[in-house]
Amino acid sequence: MISFYYGAKKYGSIKNTVKIAEITGFALGGIFLAAGWFGADILVSIFGVETEAIRQLAVKGIGLFFIGYLFMGINFIDMSYYQSVAYIKPSIGITLFRGFILLEIALVILPIWLGTTGVWLALPVAEGLTATFLLVFARQGVMNRKLESQGY
């Protein structure tokens, strides 16, 4: 939709679509987070974990790991936005930061501070930092400037 609106120079429609998509992504992230918190036992049982210690670790880990779903939607929407308006560098940057750079930094630092919990929280922290940056800076900076330069 964003590519279509961009080609049609309907910049207000782009802005509305992004807002709706971000709200929807955040809401779906909340649903996945709830599924991880309240359904972790079921998810772990699907994989047939036999020892209680591993089961407890996995249940705890799923609850922590699924926090990342709150932010993934926003990150994917913004990546898609930049691709759709042929602004590829920010899209690649988002991919690199959330999937490699911030994730690797979190995987090195968080376990030192938090032990195994830090491993589980590495992805949510990387996703959360990326989403925060995008919501604070991209919304006021690159995204709006890109539209303004097109007459929005």
N, C-alpha and C. Protein backbone atom coordinates (compact mmCIF):
# COMPACT_ATOMS: atom_id res chain seq x y z
N MET A 1 0.82 -1.19 0.00
CA MET A 1 0.00 0.00 0.00
C MET A 1 0.87 1.25 0.00
N ILE A 2 1.93 1.21 0.77
CA ILE A 2 2.79 2.39 0.86
C ILE A 2 3.43 2.67 -0.49
N SER A 3 3.88 1.64 -1.19
CA SER A 3 4.46 1.85 -2.52
C SER A 3 3.44 2.47 -3.46
N PHE A 4 2.23 1.99 -3.41
CA PHE A 4 1.17 2.54 -4.26
C PHE A 4 0.93 4.01 -3.93
N TYR A 5 0.77 4.31 -2.65
CA TYR A 5 0.53 5.69 -2.24
C TYR A 5 1.71 6.59 -2.58
N TYR A 6 2.90 6.05 -2.46
CA TYR A 6 4.10 6.83 -2.78
C TYR A 6 4.12 7.17 -4.27
N GLY A 7 3.83 6.19 -5.09
CA GLY A 7 3.77 6.43 -6.54
C GLY A 7 2.66 7.39 -6.92
N ALA A 8 1.56 7.34 -6.19
CA ALA A 8 0.42 8.23 -6.47
C ALA A 8 0.57 9.59 -5.79
N LYS A 9 1.67 9.78 -5.06
CA LYS A 9 1.94 11.03 -4.33
C LYS A 9 0.85 11.34 -3.29
N LYS A 10 0.32 10.29 -2.68
CA LYS A 10 -0.69 10.45 -1.63
C LYS A 10 0.01 10.31 -0.28
N TYR A 11 0.75 11.34 0.09
CA TYR A 11 1.61 11.29 1.26
C TYR A 11 0.83 11.23 2.57
N GLY A 12 -0.33 11.83 2.60
CA GLY A 12 -1.18 11.73 3.79
C GLY A 12 -1.62 10.30 4.02
N SER A 13 -1.90 9.59 2.93
CA SER A 13 -2.30 8.19 3.03
C SER A 13 -1.14 7.32 3.53
N ILE A 14 0.07 7.68 3.13
CA ILE A 14 1.25 6.94 3.62
C ILE A 14 1.34 7.09 5.13
N LYS A 15 1.22 8.32 5.59
CA LYS A 15 1.33 8.59 7.03
C LYS A 15 0.25 7.82 7.80
N ASN A 16 -0.97 7.84 7.32
CA ASN A 16 -2.06 7.12 7.99
C ASN A 16 -1.83 5.62 7.97
N THR A 17 -1.36 5.10 6.85
CA THR A 17 -1.10 3.67 6.75
C THR A 17 -0.02 3.24 7.73
N VAL A 18 1.04 4.03 7.83
CA VAL A 18 2.12 3.70 8.76
C VAL A 18 1.61 3.73 10.19
N LYS A 19 0.81 4.73 10.54
CA LYS A 19 0.27 4.81 11.90
C LYS A 19 -0.59 3.59 12.22
N ILE A 20 -1.48 3.25 11.32
CA ILE A 20 -2.37 2.09 11.53
C ILE A 20 -1.54 0.81 11.63
N ALA A 21 -0.55 0.67 10.76
CA ALA A 21 0.30 -0.53 10.77
C ALA A 21 1.09 -0.62 12.07
N GLU A 22 1.63 0.49 12.56
CA GLU A 22 2.39 0.45 13.81
C GLU A 22 1.50 0.09 14.99
N ILE A 23 0.31 0.65 15.02
CA ILE A 23 -0.63 0.31 16.11
C ILE A 23 -1.00 -1.17 16.03
N THR A 24 -1.27 -1.64 14.83
CA THR A 24 -1.61 -3.05 14.64
C THR A 24 -0.44 -3.95 15.03
N GLY A 25 0.76 -3.58 14.61
CA GLY A 25 1.95 -4.36 14.95
C GLY A 25 2.18 -4.43 16.45
N PHE A 26 1.99 -3.30 17.13
CA PHE A 26 2.17 -3.26 18.57
C PHE A 26 1.10 -4.11 19.26
N ALA A 27 -0.15 -4.02 18.77
CA ALA A 27 -1.24 -4.82 19.36
C ALA A 27 -0.98 -6.32 19.16
N LEU A 28 -0.57 -6.70 17.96
CA LEU A 28 -0.26 -8.11 17.72
C LEU A 28 0.92 -8.56 18.57
N GLY A 29 1.90 -7.67 18.74
CA GLY A 29 3.02 -7.97 19.63
C GLY A 29 2.54 -8.24 21.04
N GLY A 30 1.57 -7.45 21.50
CA GLY A 30 0.98 -7.66 22.82
C GLY A 30 0.29 -9.00 22.93
N ILE A 31 -0.38 -9.40 21.86
CA ILE A 31 -1.06 -10.70 21.85
C ILE A 31 -0.02 -11.83 21.92
N PHE A 32 1.05 -11.70 21.14
CA PHE A 32 2.11 -12.72 21.18
C PHE A 32 2.79 -12.75 22.55
N LEU A 33 2.99 -11.58 23.14
CA LEU A 33 3.59 -11.52 24.47
C LEU A 33 2.69 -12.24 25.47
N ALA A 34 1.40 -11.98 25.40
CA ALA A 34 0.46 -12.65 26.30
C ALA A 34 0.49 -14.17 26.07
N ALA A 35 0.59 -14.57 24.81
CA ALA A 35 0.67 -16.00 24.51
C ALA A 35 1.93 -16.61 25.12
N GLY A 36 3.03 -15.85 25.05
CA GLY A 36 4.28 -16.34 25.63
C GLY A 36 4.22 -16.41 27.14
N TRP A 37 3.59 -15.44 27.77
CA TRP A 37 3.51 -15.43 29.23
C TRP A 37 2.55 -16.48 29.75
N PHE A 38 1.37 -16.53 29.13
CA PHE A 38 0.33 -17.41 29.65
C PHE A 38 0.33 -18.80 29.02
N GLY A 39 0.99 -18.95 27.87
CA GLY A 39 0.99 -20.24 27.20
C GLY A 39 2.36 -20.88 27.10
N ALA A 40 3.30 -20.38 27.88
CA ALA A 40 4.67 -20.91 27.80
C ALA A 40 4.71 -22.41 28.10
N ASP A 41 3.94 -22.84 29.10
CA ASP A 41 3.92 -24.27 29.43
C ASP A 41 3.48 -25.11 28.23
N ILE A 42 2.46 -24.65 27.54
CA ILE A 42 1.95 -25.38 26.37
C ILE A 42 2.99 -25.38 25.26
N LEU A 43 3.60 -24.21 25.01
CA LEU A 43 4.62 -24.14 23.97
C LEU A 43 5.79 -25.07 24.26
N VAL A 44 6.22 -25.11 25.50
CA VAL A 44 7.34 -25.98 25.87
C VAL A 44 6.93 -27.44 25.75
N SER A 45 5.71 -27.77 26.12
CA SER A 45 5.27 -29.17 26.06
C SER A 45 5.19 -29.68 24.63
N ILE A 46 5.02 -28.80 23.66
CA ILE A 46 4.99 -29.20 22.25
C ILE A 46 6.30 -29.87 21.86
N PHE A 47 7.40 -29.41 22.45
CA PHE A 47 8.71 -29.93 22.10
C PHE A 47 9.13 -31.12 22.95
N GLY A 48 8.27 -31.57 23.83
CA GLY A 48 8.51 -32.78 24.59
C GLY A 48 9.71 -32.72 25.51
N VAL A 49 9.90 -31.60 26.18
CA VAL A 49 11.01 -31.48 27.13
C VAL A 49 10.75 -32.41 28.30
N GLU A 50 11.74 -33.24 28.63
CA GLU A 50 11.53 -34.27 29.64
C GLU A 50 12.00 -33.89 31.03
N THR A 51 13.07 -33.12 31.14
CA THR A 51 13.56 -32.79 32.48
C THR A 51 12.90 -31.51 32.98
N GLU A 52 12.58 -31.52 34.26
CA GLU A 52 11.88 -30.39 34.86
C GLU A 52 12.73 -29.12 34.85
N ALA A 53 14.02 -29.25 35.08
CA ALA A 53 14.90 -28.08 35.11
C ALA A 53 14.93 -27.38 33.75
N ILE A 54 15.02 -28.15 32.69
CA ILE A 54 15.04 -27.56 31.35
C ILE A 54 13.67 -26.97 31.02
N ARG A 55 12.61 -27.65 31.43
CA ARG A 55 11.27 -27.13 31.19
C ARG A 55 11.08 -25.78 31.87
N GLN A 56 11.50 -25.67 33.12
CA GLN A 56 11.36 -24.41 33.87
C GLN A 56 12.19 -23.30 33.22
N LEU A 57 13.39 -23.63 32.78
CA LEU A 57 14.24 -22.65 32.10
C LEU A 57 13.58 -22.17 30.81
N ALA A 58 13.02 -23.10 30.05
CA ALA A 58 12.37 -22.74 28.79
C ALA A 58 11.11 -21.91 29.02
N VAL A 59 10.31 -22.26 30.02
CA VAL A 59 9.09 -21.50 30.33
C VAL A 59 9.46 -20.06 30.70
N LYS A 60 10.45 -19.93 31.57
CA LYS A 60 10.89 -18.59 31.96
C LYS A 60 11.43 -17.83 30.74
N GLY A 61 12.22 -18.51 29.94
CA GLY A 61 12.84 -17.89 28.77
C GLY A 61 11.83 -17.43 27.74
N ILE A 62 10.81 -18.22 27.50
CA ILE A 62 9.79 -17.83 26.53
C ILE A 62 9.11 -16.55 26.96
N GLY A 63 8.78 -16.45 28.22
CA GLY A 63 8.15 -15.23 28.73
C GLY A 63 9.02 -14.01 28.51
N LEU A 64 10.31 -14.15 28.72
CA LEU A 64 11.23 -13.03 28.52
C LEU A 64 11.46 -12.75 27.03
N PHE A 65 11.69 -13.80 26.26
CA PHE A 65 11.98 -13.67 24.84
C PHE A 65 10.82 -13.01 24.09
N PHE A 66 9.60 -13.38 24.45
CA PHE A 66 8.43 -12.87 23.75
C PHE A 66 8.20 -11.38 23.97
N ILE A 67 8.90 -10.76 24.90
CA ILE A 67 8.82 -9.30 25.06
C ILE A 67 9.24 -8.62 23.75
N GLY A 68 10.15 -9.24 23.05
CA GLY A 68 10.63 -8.70 21.78
C GLY A 68 9.53 -8.51 20.75
N TYR A 69 8.47 -9.32 20.83
CA TYR A 69 7.39 -9.20 19.87
C TYR A 69 6.65 -7.87 19.97
N LEU A 70 6.72 -7.21 21.11
CA LEU A 70 6.11 -5.88 21.24
C LEU A 70 6.73 -4.89 20.26
N PHE A 71 8.00 -5.07 19.96
CA PHE A 71 8.74 -4.11 19.17
C PHE A 71 9.00 -4.56 17.73
N MET A 72 8.94 -5.86 17.48
CA MET A 72 9.25 -6.38 16.15
C MET A 72 8.35 -5.80 15.07
N GLY A 73 7.08 -5.66 15.37
CA GLY A 73 6.14 -5.13 14.38
C GLY A 73 6.53 -3.74 13.92
N ILE A 74 6.86 -2.88 14.87
CA ILE A 74 7.26 -1.51 14.53
C ILE A 74 8.51 -1.55 13.66
N ASN A 75 9.45 -2.37 14.01
CA ASN A 75 10.69 -2.46 13.24
C ASN A 75 10.44 -2.96 11.82
N PHE A 76 9.62 -3.98 11.68
CA PHE A 76 9.32 -4.51 10.35
C PHE A 76 8.53 -3.50 9.52
N ILE A 77 7.62 -2.80 10.14
CA ILE A 77 6.82 -1.80 9.42
C ILE A 77 7.72 -0.69 8.91
N ASP A 78 8.62 -0.21 9.77
CA ASP A 78 9.51 0.86 9.33
C ASP A 78 10.48 0.38 8.27
N MET A 79 10.99 -0.86 8.38
CA MET A 79 11.83 -1.41 7.32
C MET A 79 11.07 -1.44 6.00
N SER A 80 9.83 -1.90 6.06
CA SER A 80 9.00 -1.98 4.85
C SER A 80 8.71 -0.60 4.29
N TYR A 81 8.46 0.36 5.18
CA TYR A 81 8.21 1.73 4.74
C TYR A 81 9.39 2.23 3.91
N TYR A 82 10.59 2.11 4.46
CA TYR A 82 11.76 2.64 3.77
C TYR A 82 11.99 1.92 2.44
N GLN A 83 11.76 0.63 2.39
CA GLN A 83 11.88 -0.10 1.12
C GLN A 83 10.84 0.39 0.13
N SER A 84 9.64 0.65 0.60
CA SER A 84 8.54 1.05 -0.28
C SER A 84 8.72 2.42 -0.90
N VAL A 85 9.45 3.29 -0.23
CA VAL A 85 9.69 4.64 -0.77
C VAL A 85 11.10 4.74 -1.37
N ALA A 86 11.70 3.58 -1.65
CA ALA A 86 13.00 3.49 -2.31
C ALA A 86 14.09 4.21 -1.52
N TYR A 87 14.04 4.06 -0.20
CA TYR A 87 15.04 4.65 0.68
C TYR A 87 15.69 3.48 1.41
N ILE A 88 16.55 2.79 0.70
CA ILE A 88 17.04 1.49 1.10
C ILE A 88 18.03 1.54 2.27
N LYS A 89 18.87 2.56 2.35
CA LYS A 89 19.89 2.61 3.40
C LYS A 89 19.29 2.51 4.81
N PRO A 90 18.24 3.27 5.14
CA PRO A 90 17.66 3.09 6.48
C PRO A 90 17.09 1.68 6.70
N SER A 91 16.52 1.10 5.65
CA SER A 91 15.97 -0.25 5.77
C SER A 91 17.08 -1.25 6.09
N ILE A 92 18.19 -1.14 5.38
CA ILE A 92 19.33 -2.02 5.65
C ILE A 92 19.89 -1.74 7.04
N GLY A 93 19.94 -0.47 7.42
CA GLY A 93 20.43 -0.11 8.75
C GLY A 93 19.59 -0.72 9.86
N ILE A 94 18.28 -0.68 9.70
CA ILE A 94 17.38 -1.28 10.69
C ILE A 94 17.67 -2.77 10.80
N THR A 95 17.79 -3.41 9.66
CA THR A 95 18.06 -4.85 9.64
C THR A 95 19.37 -5.17 10.34
N LEU A 96 20.40 -4.43 10.02
CA LEU A 96 21.71 -4.68 10.63
C LEU A 96 21.71 -4.41 12.13
N PHE A 97 21.09 -3.31 12.54
CA PHE A 97 21.12 -2.97 13.96
C PHE A 97 20.30 -3.94 14.79
N ARG A 98 19.07 -4.24 14.37
CA ARG A 98 18.23 -5.10 15.20
C ARG A 98 18.66 -6.56 15.13
N GLY A 99 19.17 -7.00 13.99
CA GLY A 99 19.46 -8.41 13.81
C GLY A 99 20.90 -8.81 14.06
N PHE A 100 21.80 -7.84 14.05
CA PHE A 100 23.20 -8.19 14.20
C PHE A 100 23.90 -7.33 15.26
N ILE A 101 24.02 -6.05 15.00
CA ILE A 101 24.85 -5.20 15.85
C ILE A 101 24.32 -5.13 17.27
N LEU A 102 23.10 -4.66 17.46
CA LEU A 102 22.56 -4.54 18.82
C LEU A 102 22.35 -5.91 19.47
N LEU A 103 21.94 -6.88 18.67
CA LEU A 103 21.74 -8.22 19.21
C LEU A 103 23.06 -8.81 19.72
N GLU A 104 24.12 -8.66 18.94
CA GLU A 104 25.41 -9.20 19.38
C GLU A 104 25.93 -8.47 20.61
N ILE A 105 25.77 -7.16 20.64
CA ILE A 105 26.21 -6.39 21.82
C ILE A 105 25.43 -6.85 23.05
N ALA A 106 24.11 -7.01 22.88
CA ALA A 106 23.27 -7.47 24.00
C ALA A 106 23.66 -8.87 24.44
N LEU A 107 23.99 -9.73 23.48
CA LEU A 107 24.39 -11.11 23.83
C LEU A 107 25.73 -11.16 24.55
N VAL A 108 26.55 -10.16 24.38
CA VAL A 108 27.82 -10.11 25.09
C VAL A 108 27.64 -9.48 26.48
N ILE A 109 26.91 -8.37 26.54
CA ILE A 109 26.82 -7.59 27.78
C ILE A 109 25.80 -8.15 28.77
N LEU A 110 24.59 -8.43 28.31
CA LEU A 110 23.52 -8.81 29.24
C LEU A 110 23.80 -10.07 30.05
N PRO A 111 24.36 -11.13 29.47
CA PRO A 111 24.66 -12.31 30.30
C PRO A 111 25.67 -12.04 31.40
N ILE A 112 26.56 -11.08 31.19
CA ILE A 112 27.52 -10.73 32.24
C ILE A 112 26.77 -10.16 33.44
N TRP A 113 25.77 -9.33 33.17
CA TRP A 113 25.00 -8.69 34.25
C TRP A 113 23.89 -9.58 34.80
N LEU A 114 23.23 -10.33 33.90
CA LEU A 114 22.00 -11.02 34.30
C LEU A 114 22.06 -12.54 34.17
N GLY A 115 23.18 -13.08 33.75
CA GLY A 115 23.28 -14.53 33.58
C GLY A 115 22.42 -15.02 32.42
N THR A 116 21.80 -16.17 32.61
CA THR A 116 20.97 -16.76 31.57
C THR A 116 19.81 -15.84 31.18
N THR A 117 19.28 -15.11 32.13
CA THR A 117 18.20 -14.16 31.84
C THR A 117 18.65 -13.15 30.78
N GLY A 118 19.90 -12.75 30.83
CA GLY A 118 20.44 -11.82 29.84
C GLY A 118 20.43 -12.37 28.43
N VAL A 119 20.64 -13.67 28.31
CA VAL A 119 20.58 -14.31 26.98
C VAL A 119 19.16 -14.20 26.44
N TRP A 120 18.18 -14.51 27.28
CA TRP A 120 16.78 -14.45 26.86
C TRP A 120 16.36 -13.03 26.51
N LEU A 121 16.92 -12.04 27.22
CA LEU A 121 16.53 -10.65 27.01
C LEU A 121 17.29 -9.95 25.89
N ALA A 122 18.29 -10.60 25.31
CA ALA A 122 19.09 -9.96 24.27
C ALA A 122 18.24 -9.53 23.08
N LEU A 123 17.40 -10.40 22.58
CA LEU A 123 16.56 -10.04 21.44
C LEU A 123 15.56 -8.94 21.80
N PRO A 124 14.82 -9.04 22.90
CA PRO A 124 13.91 -7.95 23.25
C PRO A 124 14.61 -6.61 23.42
N VAL A 125 15.81 -6.61 23.99
CA VAL A 125 16.55 -5.36 24.16
C VAL A 125 16.94 -4.78 22.80
N ALA A 126 17.46 -5.62 21.91
CA ALA A 126 17.84 -5.16 20.57
C ALA A 126 16.64 -4.62 19.81
N GLU A 127 15.53 -5.34 19.86
CA GLU A 127 14.31 -4.90 19.18
C GLU A 127 13.77 -3.61 19.82
N GLY A 128 13.77 -3.57 21.14
CA GLY A 128 13.25 -2.40 21.84
C GLY A 128 14.07 -1.14 21.57
N LEU A 129 15.39 -1.27 21.60
CA LEU A 129 16.24 -0.11 21.30
C LEU A 129 16.05 0.37 19.86
N THR A 130 15.94 -0.57 18.94
CA THR A 130 15.72 -0.20 17.55
C THR A 130 14.37 0.50 17.39
N ALA A 131 13.33 -0.05 17.98
CA ALA A 131 12.00 0.56 17.87
C ALA A 131 11.96 1.94 18.52
N THR A 132 12.61 2.08 19.66
CA THR A 132 12.65 3.38 20.33
C THR A 132 13.35 4.42 19.45
N PHE A 133 14.48 4.03 18.89
CA PHE A 133 15.18 4.94 17.99
C PHE A 133 14.28 5.34 16.82
N LEU A 134 13.62 4.36 16.23
CA LEU A 134 12.76 4.65 15.07
C LEU A 134 11.60 5.56 15.43
N LEU A 135 10.96 5.29 16.56
CA LEU A 135 9.81 6.10 16.95
C LEU A 135 10.22 7.53 17.32
N VAL A 136 11.38 7.68 17.92
CA VAL A 136 11.82 9.01 18.35
C VAL A 136 12.44 9.79 17.20
N PHE A 137 13.37 9.16 16.47
CA PHE A 137 14.14 9.90 15.49
C PHE A 137 13.61 9.78 14.06
N ALA A 138 13.25 8.59 13.64
CA ALA A 138 12.82 8.40 12.26
C ALA A 138 11.51 9.14 12.00
N ARG A 139 10.62 9.11 12.94
CA ARG A 139 9.33 9.76 12.77
C ARG A 139 9.50 11.27 12.62
N GLN A 140 10.41 11.85 13.38
CA GLN A 140 10.62 13.29 13.32
C GLN A 140 11.68 13.68 12.29
N GLY A 141 12.47 12.74 11.89
CA GLY A 141 13.58 13.05 11.01
C GLY A 141 13.39 12.52 9.60
N VAL A 142 14.00 11.40 9.35
CA VAL A 142 14.10 10.89 7.99
C VAL A 142 12.74 10.68 7.34
N MET A 143 11.82 10.05 8.03
CA MET A 143 10.54 9.74 7.42
C MET A 143 9.79 11.01 7.02
N ASN A 144 9.66 11.96 7.91
CA ASN A 144 8.94 13.19 7.60
C ASN A 144 9.69 14.03 6.58
N ARG A 145 11.02 14.12 6.68
CA ARG A 145 11.78 14.89 5.70
C ARG A 145 11.63 14.30 4.31
N LYS A 146 11.62 12.98 4.24
CA LYS A 146 11.48 12.33 2.94
C LYS A 146 10.14 12.70 2.31
N LEU A 147 9.09 12.71 3.12
CA LEU A 147 7.77 13.07 2.61
C LEU A 147 7.70 14.57 2.30
N GLU A 148 8.29 15.38 3.17
CA GLU A 148 8.26 16.83 2.95
C GLU A 148 8.99 17.20 1.68
N SER A 149 10.09 16.51 1.39
CA SER A 149 10.85 16.82 0.17
C SER A 149 10.04 16.46 -1.07
N GLN A 150 9.03 15.66 -0.89
CA GLN A 150 8.17 15.28 -2.00
C GLN A 150 6.91 16.15 -2.07
N GLY A 151 6.81 17.15 -1.21
CA GLY A 151 5.67 18.06 -1.27
C GLY A 151 4.60 17.76 -0.24
N TYR A 152 4.86 16.92 0.73
CA TYR A 152 3.86 16.57 1.74
C TYR A 152 3.63 17.68 2.72
